[in-house]
Amino acid sequence: MDHEAELKEFCTAFGADLAGIADLSLFKIAWTTIPGDILHSYTSAVSVAMRLDDDIMDVIDDLPTRAYAEHYRAVNTDLDRLTARIVDWISVRGYRSRAVPASKIEDTENLIGSVSHKAIARMAGIGWQGKSLLIVSPEHGPRIRLATVLTDMPLAPDRPIEQRCGSCSECTNACPAAAIRNVTARGRYETREEALFFSRCVERTLANSQLSGIGARICGVCVKVCPHGKPKYSDKK
């Protein structure tokens, strides 16, 4: 078994619902990172995703629930445990790696982390970037949380998935902040403003974070309504 298949099998064995590999060469040219040289020693990134619980997501209305806030934090913790295991797996094989936390803001003014999990997930074939800027996977829609491991292990990259939002406007219509512009990108959006009225999203999630029992900059409405993520329950007759 090659490194790619063995690594992905390891990821799924320890909790990942999806795993993919991205080539970091483009990121070193076109993406902002914090610190600026974080990618210097690495050639590939492993993107892992865990699915959010449907029962929790399905009851979100215009505001996040306490159950969602707790689940959000729990899944982030599980992702960080998984990426620590991946780092150990790579280290045993003689290569360097570094885990990027699932949800850690490095620049609070612009709300960006050290690297973009979404950008890496798109290049790793986890899913396409939807109109909400979320990664939409064919299997789980946007009902996923992401984390990343940077490595110098030689790995063949996966390919991005073609955008499949088409004329759908479910997330645009449902957004309680009217923040989604309903613009489709063929690959990636050049800026967040191309897809969103970003300040509206920022203001809404900040207000949500101050609600009793929430304590996180979350919303969940666009995650809930996306047709690609809605569970396909079998008929019970």
C-alpha atoms as a PDB file:
ATOM      1  CA  MET A   1       0.000   0.000   0.000  1.00  0.00           C
ATOM      2  CA  ASP A   2       1.340   3.446  -0.896  1.00  0.00           C
ATOM      3  CA  HIS A   3       1.687   6.280   1.621  1.00  0.00           C
ATOM      4  CA  GLU A   4      -1.463   8.045   0.409  1.00  0.00           C
ATOM      5  CA  ALA A   5      -3.798   5.087   0.778  1.00  0.00           C
ATOM      6  CA  GLU A   6      -2.235   3.993   4.066  1.00  0.00           C
ATOM      7  CA  LEU A   7      -2.483   7.507   5.506  1.00  0.00           C
ATOM      8  CA  LYS A   8      -6.111   7.949   4.481  1.00  0.00           C
ATOM      9  CA  GLU A   9      -6.975   4.551   5.929  1.00  0.00           C
ATOM     10  CA  PHE A  10      -5.331   5.613   9.188  1.00  0.00           C
ATOM     11  CA  CYS A  11      -7.312   8.869   9.237  1.00  0.00           C
ATOM     12  CA  THR A  12     -10.657   7.152   8.767  1.00  0.00           C
ATOM     13  CA  ALA A  13      -9.787   4.470  11.318  1.00  0.00           C
ATOM     14  CA  PHE A  14      -9.344   7.185  13.933  1.00  0.00           C
ATOM     15  CA  GLY A  15     -12.449   9.213  13.228  1.00  0.00           C
ATOM     16  CA  ALA A  16     -12.170  11.143   9.973  1.00  0.00           C
ATOM     17  CA  ASP A  17     -15.162  10.933   7.673  1.00  0.00           C
ATOM     18  CA  LEU A  18     -13.090  12.345   4.813  1.00  0.00           C
ATOM     19  CA  ALA A  19      -9.370  12.729   4.143  1.00  0.00           C
ATOM     20  CA  GLY A  20      -7.475  14.241   1.231  1.00  0.00           C
ATOM     21  CA  ILE A  21      -4.058  15.551   0.225  1.00  0.00           C
ATOM     22  CA  ALA A  22      -3.181  18.980  -1.174  1.00  0.00           C
ATOM     23  CA  ASP A  23      -0.027  20.185  -2.916  1.00  0.00           C
ATOM     24  CA  LEU A  24       1.266  23.220  -0.992  1.00  0.00           C
ATOM     25  CA  SER A  25       3.239  24.782  -3.849  1.00  0.00           C
ATOM     26  CA  LEU A  26       0.354  27.047  -4.893  1.00  0.00           C
ATOM     27  CA  PHE A  27      -0.333  28.088  -1.306  1.00  0.00           C
ATOM     28  CA  LYS A  28       3.203  29.340  -0.913  1.00  0.00           C
ATOM     29  CA  ILE A  29       2.542  31.802  -3.737  1.00  0.00           C
ATOM     30  CA  ALA A  30      -1.088  32.844  -3.484  1.00  0.00           C
ATOM     31  CA  TRP A  31      -2.264  32.469   0.126  1.00  0.00           C
ATOM     32  CA  THR A  32      -1.682  34.491   3.273  1.00  0.00           C
ATOM     33  CA  THR A  33      -0.480  32.489   6.270  1.00  0.00           C
ATOM     34  CA  ILE A  34       0.344  33.359   9.880  1.00  0.00           C
ATOM     35  CA  PRO A  35       3.259  33.314  10.371  1.00  0.00           C
ATOM     36  CA  GLY A  36       4.241  34.005   6.780  1.00  0.00           C
ATOM     37  CA  ASP A  37       6.814  31.198   6.652  1.00  0.00           C
ATOM     38  CA  ILE A  38       4.682  28.446   8.217  1.00  0.00           C
ATOM     39  CA  LEU A  39       4.640  26.453   4.963  1.00  0.00           C
ATOM     40  CA  HIS A  40       8.359  26.817   4.276  1.00  0.00           C
ATOM     41  CA  SER A  41       9.415  23.344   5.438  1.00  0.00           C
ATOM     42  CA  TYR A  42       6.437  21.449   4.036  1.00  0.00           C
ATOM     43  CA  THR A  43       5.343  20.214   0.621  1.00  0.00           C
ATOM     44  CA  SER A  44       1.917  18.691   1.270  1.00  0.00           C
ATOM     45  CA  ALA A  45      -1.096  19.122   3.507  1.00  0.00           C
ATOM     46  CA  VAL A  46      -3.431  16.443   4.810  1.00  0.00           C
ATOM     47  CA  SER A  47      -7.017  17.691   5.110  1.00  0.00           C
ATOM     48  CA  VAL A  48      -9.391  15.789   7.385  1.00  0.00           C
ATOM     49  CA  ALA A  49     -13.105  16.322   7.944  1.00  0.00           C
ATOM     50  CA  MET A  50     -15.596  15.098  10.530  1.00  0.00           C
ATOM     51  CA  ARG A  51     -19.337  15.184   9.961  1.00  0.00           C
ATOM     52  CA  LEU A  52     -21.591  17.205  12.230  1.00  0.00           C
ATOM     53  CA  ASP A  53     -24.534  15.481  13.890  1.00  0.00           C
ATOM     54  CA  ASP A  54     -27.725  15.719  11.832  1.00  0.00           C
ATOM     55  CA  ASP A  55     -30.062  15.734  14.828  1.00  0.00           C
ATOM     56  CA  ILE A  56     -28.244  18.787  16.199  1.00  0.00           C
ATOM     57  CA  MET A  57     -28.028  20.621  12.885  1.00  0.00           C
ATOM     58  CA  ASP A  58     -31.622  19.980  11.829  1.00  0.00           C
ATOM     59  CA  VAL A  59     -33.162  21.926  14.728  1.00  0.00           C
ATOM     60  CA  ILE A  60     -31.197  25.150  14.183  1.00  0.00           C
ATOM     61  CA  ASP A  61     -33.521  28.017  13.287  1.00  0.00           C
ATOM     62  CA  ASP A  62     -32.243  31.598  12.999  1.00  0.00           C
ATOM     63  CA  LEU A  63     -29.893  31.226  15.975  1.00  0.00           C
ATOM     64  CA  PRO A  64     -27.381  28.592  17.028  1.00  0.00           C
ATOM     65  CA  THR A  65     -28.469  26.283  19.823  1.00  0.00           C
ATOM     66  CA  ARG A  66     -26.510  25.392  22.946  1.00  0.00           C
ATOM     67  CA  ALA A  67     -26.319  21.833  21.666  1.00  0.00           C
ATOM     68  CA  TYR A  68     -24.692  23.066  18.455  1.00  0.00           C
ATOM     69  CA  ALA A  69     -22.183  25.207  20.363  1.00  0.00           C
ATOM     70  CA  GLU A  70     -21.196  22.248  22.535  1.00  0.00           C
ATOM     71  CA  HIS A  71     -21.029  19.917  19.524  1.00  0.00           C
ATOM     72  CA  TYR A  72     -18.944  22.455  17.582  1.00  0.00           C
ATOM     73  CA  ARG A  73     -16.358  22.539  20.371  1.00  0.00           C
ATOM     74  CA  ALA A  74     -16.405  18.757  20.830  1.00  0.00           C
ATOM     75  CA  VAL A  75     -15.806  18.056  17.130  1.00  0.00           C
ATOM     76  CA  ASN A  76     -12.971  20.593  17.065  1.00  0.00           C
ATOM     77  CA  THR A  77     -11.390  18.758  20.018  1.00  0.00           C
ATOM     78  CA  ASP A  78     -11.804  15.411  18.256  1.00  0.00           C
ATOM     79  CA  LEU A  79     -10.169  16.835  15.127  1.00  0.00           C
ATOM     80  CA  ASP A  80      -7.209  18.119  17.125  1.00  0.00           C
ATOM     81  CA  ARG A  81      -6.760  14.688  18.695  1.00  0.00           C
ATOM     82  CA  LEU A  82      -6.863  13.121  15.253  1.00  0.00           C
ATOM     83  CA  THR A  83      -4.294  15.502  13.773  1.00  0.00           C
ATOM     84  CA  ALA A  84      -1.978  14.788  16.725  1.00  0.00           C
ATOM     85  CA  ARG A  85      -2.219  11.095  15.841  1.00  0.00           C
ATOM     86  CA  ILE A  86      -1.467  11.881  12.195  1.00  0.00           C
ATOM     87  CA  VAL A  87       1.643  13.822  13.223  1.00  0.00           C
ATOM     88  CA  ASP A  88       2.825  10.797  15.219  1.00  0.00           C
ATOM     89  CA  TRP A  89       2.078   8.452  12.288  1.00  0.00           C
ATOM     90  CA  ILE A  90       4.140  10.591   9.922  1.00  0.00           C
ATOM     91  CA  SER A  91       6.968  11.034  12.445  1.00  0.00           C
ATOM     92  CA  VAL A  92       7.376   7.274  12.883  1.00  0.00           C
ATOM     93  CA  ARG A  93       8.001   7.076   9.133  1.00  0.00           C
ATOM     94  CA  GLY A  94      10.790   9.623   9.305  1.00  0.00           C
ATOM     95  CA  TYR A  95       9.095  12.773   8.049  1.00  0.00           C
ATOM     96  CA  ARG A  96       8.269  16.145   9.545  1.00  0.00           C
ATOM     97  CA  SER A  97       4.746  17.403  10.142  1.00  0.00           C
ATOM     98  CA  ARG A  98       2.767  20.038  11.988  1.00  0.00           C
ATOM     99  CA  ALA A  99      -0.879  20.022  13.029  1.00  0.00           C
ATOM    100  CA  VAL A 100      -2.958  23.154  12.478  1.00  0.00           C
ATOM    101  CA  PRO A 101      -5.740  23.441  15.096  1.00  0.00           C
ATOM    102  CA  ALA A 102      -9.287  22.969  13.884  1.00  0.00           C
ATOM    103  CA  SER A 103     -10.540  26.319  15.120  1.00  0.00           C
ATOM    104  CA  LYS A 104      -7.960  28.867  16.226  1.00  0.00           C
ATOM    105  CA  ILE A 105      -8.101  32.497  15.117  1.00  0.00           C
ATOM    106  CA  GLU A 106      -4.671  34.098  14.709  1.00  0.00           C
ATOM    107  CA  ASP A 107      -5.907  37.429  13.320  1.00  0.00           C
ATOM    108  CA  THR A 108      -9.017  38.460  15.270  1.00  0.00           C
ATOM    109  CA  GLU A 109      -9.595  41.579  13.176  1.00  0.00           C
ATOM    110  CA  ASN A 110      -9.810  39.678   9.882  1.00  0.00           C
ATOM    111  CA  LEU A 111     -10.927  36.359  11.395  1.00  0.00           C
ATOM    112  CA  ILE A 112      -8.253  34.177   9.829  1.00  0.00           C
ATOM    113  CA  GLY A 113      -6.211  31.297  11.174  1.00  0.00           C
ATOM    114  CA  SER A 114      -2.623  30.365  10.498  1.00  0.00           C
ATOM    115  CA  VAL A 115      -3.654  28.595   7.279  1.00  0.00           C
ATOM    116  CA  SER A 116      -7.021  28.302   5.553  1.00  0.00           C
ATOM    117  CA  HIS A 117      -8.515  24.880   6.271  1.00  0.00           C
ATOM    118  CA  LYS A 118     -11.139  25.556   3.609  1.00  0.00           C
ATOM    119  CA  ALA A 119      -8.619  26.439   0.903  1.00  0.00           C
ATOM    120  CA  ILE A 120      -6.586  23.322   1.627  1.00  0.00           C
ATOM    121  CA  ALA A 121      -9.691  21.122   1.826  1.00  0.00           C
ATOM    122  CA  ARG A 122     -10.794  22.358  -1.603  1.00  0.00           C
ATOM    123  CA  MET A 123      -7.416  21.565  -3.154  1.00  0.00           C
ATOM    124  CA  ALA A 124      -7.401  18.191  -1.371  1.00  0.00           C
ATOM    125  CA  GLY A 125     -10.659  17.173  -3.017  1.00  0.00           C
ATOM    126  CA  ILE A 126     -12.733  17.202   0.167  1.00  0.00           C
ATOM    127  CA  GLY A 127     -15.343  19.394  -1.509  1.00  0.00           C
ATOM    128  CA  TRP A 128     -15.954  22.579  -3.473  1.00  0.00           C
ATOM    129  CA  GLN A 129     -16.294  26.074  -2.055  1.00  0.00           C
ATOM    130  CA  GLY A 130     -19.977  26.919  -1.915  1.00  0.00           C
ATOM    131  CA  LYS A 131     -21.699  30.272  -2.157  1.00  0.00           C
ATOM    132  CA  SER A 132     -21.504  30.545   1.631  1.00  0.00           C
ATOM    133  CA  LEU A 133     -17.695  30.076   1.392  1.00  0.00           C
ATOM    134  CA  LEU A 134     -18.085  26.785   3.252  1.00  0.00           C
ATOM    135  CA  ILE A 135     -16.588  23.608   1.843  1.00  0.00           C
ATOM    136  CA  VAL A 136     -19.409  21.476   0.455  1.00  0.00           C
ATOM    137  CA  SER A 137     -18.531  17.803   0.192  1.00  0.00           C
ATOM    138  CA  PRO A 138     -20.452  15.433  -2.093  1.00  0.00           C
ATOM    139  CA  GLU A 139     -20.968  13.026   0.810  1.00  0.00           C
ATOM    140  CA  HIS A 140     -21.870  15.389   3.663  1.00  0.00           C
ATOM    141  CA  GLY A 141     -22.476  18.806   2.149  1.00  0.00           C
ATOM    142  CA  PRO A 142     -21.177  21.571   4.448  1.00  0.00           C
ATOM    143  CA  ARG A 143     -22.008  19.573   7.587  1.00  0.00           C
ATOM    144  CA  ILE A 144     -18.334  19.046   8.330  1.00  0.00           C
ATOM    145  CA  ARG A 145     -15.553  20.540  10.425  1.00  0.00           C
ATOM    146  CA  LEU A 146     -11.992  20.633   9.080  1.00  0.00           C
ATOM    147  CA  ALA A 147      -8.420  20.396  10.306  1.00  0.00           C
ATOM    148  CA  THR A 148      -5.039  20.241   8.587  1.00  0.00           C
ATOM    149  CA  VAL A 149      -1.632  18.603   8.967  1.00  0.00           C
ATOM    150  CA  LEU A 150       1.363  20.061   7.106  1.00  0.00           C
ATOM    151  CA  THR A 151       4.117  17.613   6.142  1.00  0.00           C
ATOM    152  CA  ASP A 152       7.220  17.027   4.039  1.00  0.00           C
ATOM    153  CA  MET A 153       6.233  13.412   3.398  1.00  0.00           C
ATOM    154  CA  PRO A 154       6.140  12.896  -0.399  1.00  0.00           C
ATOM    155  CA  LEU A 155       2.451  12.438  -1.168  1.00  0.00           C
ATOM    156  CA  ALA A 156       0.560  12.493  -4.462  1.00  0.00           C
ATOM    157  CA  PRO A 157      -2.109  15.222  -4.224  1.00  0.00           C
ATOM    158  CA  ASP A 158      -5.807  14.785  -4.836  1.00  0.00           C
ATOM    159  CA  ARG A 159      -7.689  16.984  -7.293  1.00  0.00           C
ATOM    160  CA  PRO A 160     -10.251  19.699  -6.563  1.00  0.00           C
ATOM    161  CA  ILE A 161     -13.921  18.903  -7.155  1.00  0.00           C
ATOM    162  CA  GLU A 162     -15.931  20.890  -9.667  1.00  0.00           C
ATOM    163  CA  GLN A 163     -18.334  23.409  -8.128  1.00  0.00           C
ATOM    164  CA  ARG A 164     -21.889  22.031  -7.989  1.00  0.00           C
ATOM    165  CA  CYS A 165     -23.985  24.807  -6.431  1.00  0.00           C
ATOM    166  CA  GLY A 166     -25.398  25.861  -9.787  1.00  0.00           C
ATOM    167  CA  SER A 167     -28.542  27.991  -9.486  1.00  0.00           C
ATOM    168  CA  CYS A 168     -29.330  26.858  -5.942  1.00  0.00           C
ATOM    169  CA  SER A 169     -29.913  29.790  -3.586  1.00  0.00           C
ATOM    170  CA  GLU A 170     -30.958  27.994  -0.393  1.00  0.00           C
ATOM    171  CA  CYS A 171     -28.121  29.385   1.731  1.00  0.00           C
ATOM    172  CA  THR A 172     -28.577  32.876   0.283  1.00  0.00           C
ATOM    173  CA  ASN A 173     -32.289  32.906   1.056  1.00  0.00           C
ATOM    174  CA  ALA A 174     -31.884  31.466   4.555  1.00  0.00           C
ATOM    175  CA  CYS A 175     -28.972  33.594   5.805  1.00  0.00           C
ATOM    176  CA  PRO A 176     -30.313  35.615   8.778  1.00  0.00           C
ATOM    177  CA  ALA A 177     -27.702  38.331   8.129  1.00  0.00           C
ATOM    178  CA  ALA A 178     -28.382  38.566   4.374  1.00  0.00           C
ATOM    179  CA  ALA A 179     -24.636  38.103   4.002  1.00  0.00           C
ATOM    180  CA  ILE A 180     -24.452  35.709   1.032  1.00  0.00           C
ATOM    181  CA  ARG A 181     -24.298  37.354  -2.396  1.00  0.00           C
ATOM    182  CA  ASN A 182     -25.435  34.258  -4.370  1.00  0.00           C
ATOM    183  CA  VAL A 183     -22.337  34.367  -6.584  1.00  0.00           C
ATOM    184  CA  THR A 184     -20.842  31.197  -8.039  1.00  0.00           C
ATOM    185  CA  ALA A 185     -17.092  30.758  -8.480  1.00  0.00           C
ATOM    186  CA  ARG A 186     -15.651  28.268 -10.961  1.00  0.00           C
ATOM    187  CA  GLY A 187     -12.813  27.357  -8.605  1.00  0.00           C
ATOM    188  CA  ARG A 188     -12.125  29.531  -5.612  1.00  0.00           C
ATOM    189  CA  TYR A 189     -13.298  33.001  -4.723  1.00  0.00           C
ATOM    190  CA  GLU A 190     -10.499  35.543  -5.070  1.00  0.00           C
ATOM    191  CA  THR A 191     -11.664  37.350  -1.918  1.00  0.00           C
ATOM    192  CA  ARG A 192     -14.275  36.703   0.758  1.00  0.00           C
ATOM    193  CA  GLU A 193     -16.094  39.855  -0.327  1.00  0.00           C
ATOM    194  CA  GLU A 194     -16.693  38.303  -3.740  1.00  0.00           C
ATOM    195  CA  ALA A 195     -18.968  35.739  -2.085  1.00  0.00           C
ATOM    196  CA  LEU A 196     -20.148  37.540   1.053  1.00  0.00           C
ATOM    197  CA  PHE A 197     -21.010  40.834   2.598  1.00  0.00           C
ATOM    198  CA  PHE A 198     -18.411  39.685   5.065  1.00  0.00           C
ATOM    199  CA  SER A 199     -18.972  42.370   7.712  1.00  0.00           C
ATOM    200  CA  ARG A 200     -22.586  41.215   8.062  1.00  0.00           C
ATOM    201  CA  CYS A 201     -21.459  37.664   8.766  1.00  0.00           C
ATOM    202  CA  VAL A 202     -18.868  38.952  11.244  1.00  0.00           C
ATOM    203  CA  GLU A 203     -21.410  41.061  13.106  1.00  0.00           C
ATOM    204  CA  ARG A 204     -23.948  38.252  13.244  1.00  0.00           C
ATOM    205  CA  THR A 205     -21.563  35.606  14.544  1.00  0.00           C
ATOM    206  CA  LEU A 206     -20.126  38.040  17.094  1.00  0.00           C
ATOM    207  CA  ALA A 207     -23.638  38.736  18.391  1.00  0.00           C
ATOM    208  CA  ASN A 208     -24.317  34.987  18.495  1.00  0.00           C
ATOM    209  CA  SER A 209     -21.173  34.384  20.530  1.00  0.00           C
ATOM    210  CA  GLN A 210     -22.533  36.634  23.264  1.00  0.00           C
ATOM    211  CA  LEU A 211     -25.770  34.671  23.643  1.00  0.00           C
ATOM    212  CA  SER A 212     -26.199  32.614  26.796  1.00  0.00           C
ATOM    213  CA  GLY A 213     -24.608  29.196  26.439  1.00  0.00           C
ATOM    214  CA  ILE A 214     -23.025  29.843  23.027  1.00  0.00           C
ATOM    215  CA  GLY A 215     -19.598  31.442  23.521  1.00  0.00           C
ATOM    216  CA  ALA A 216     -18.407  30.786  19.970  1.00  0.00           C
ATOM    217  CA  ARG A 217     -18.629  32.754  16.722  1.00  0.00           C
ATOM    218  CA  ILE A 218     -21.040  30.389  15.021  1.00  0.00           C
ATOM    219  CA  CYS A 219     -24.372  30.482  13.218  1.00  0.00           C
ATOM    220  CA  GLY A 220     -25.105  27.193  11.427  1.00  0.00           C
ATOM    221  CA  VAL A 221     -28.046  28.292   9.285  1.00  0.00           C
ATOM    222  CA  CYS A 222     -26.278  27.937   5.919  1.00  0.00           C
ATOM    223  CA  VAL A 223     -24.847  24.622   7.103  1.00  0.00           C
ATOM    224  CA  LYS A 224     -28.325  23.342   7.927  1.00  0.00           C
ATOM    225  CA  VAL A 225     -30.166  24.354   4.760  1.00  0.00           C
ATOM    226  CA  CYS A 226     -27.712  23.207   2.082  1.00  0.00           C
ATOM    227  CA  PRO A 227     -29.404  20.442   0.054  1.00  0.00           C
ATOM    228  CA  HIS A 228     -26.109  18.609  -0.372  1.00  0.00           C
ATOM    229  CA  GLY A 229     -25.848  18.057   3.376  1.00  0.00           C
ATOM    230  CA  LYS A 230     -29.401  17.197   4.324  1.00  0.00           C
ATOM    231  CA  PRO A 231     -29.668  13.593   5.505  1.00  0.00           C
ATOM    232  CA  LYS A 232     -31.428  11.199   3.174  1.00  0.00           C
ATOM    233  CA  TYR A 233     -33.456   9.209   5.637  1.00  0.00           C
ATOM    234  CA  SER A 234     -34.944   5.986   4.342  1.00  0.00           C
ATOM    235  CA  ASP A 235     -38.703   5.638   4.415  1.00  0.00           C
ATOM    236  CA  LYS A 236     -39.922   3.662   7.381  1.00  0.00           C
ATOM    237  CA  LYS A 237     -42.932   1.648   6.374  1.00  0.00           C
END
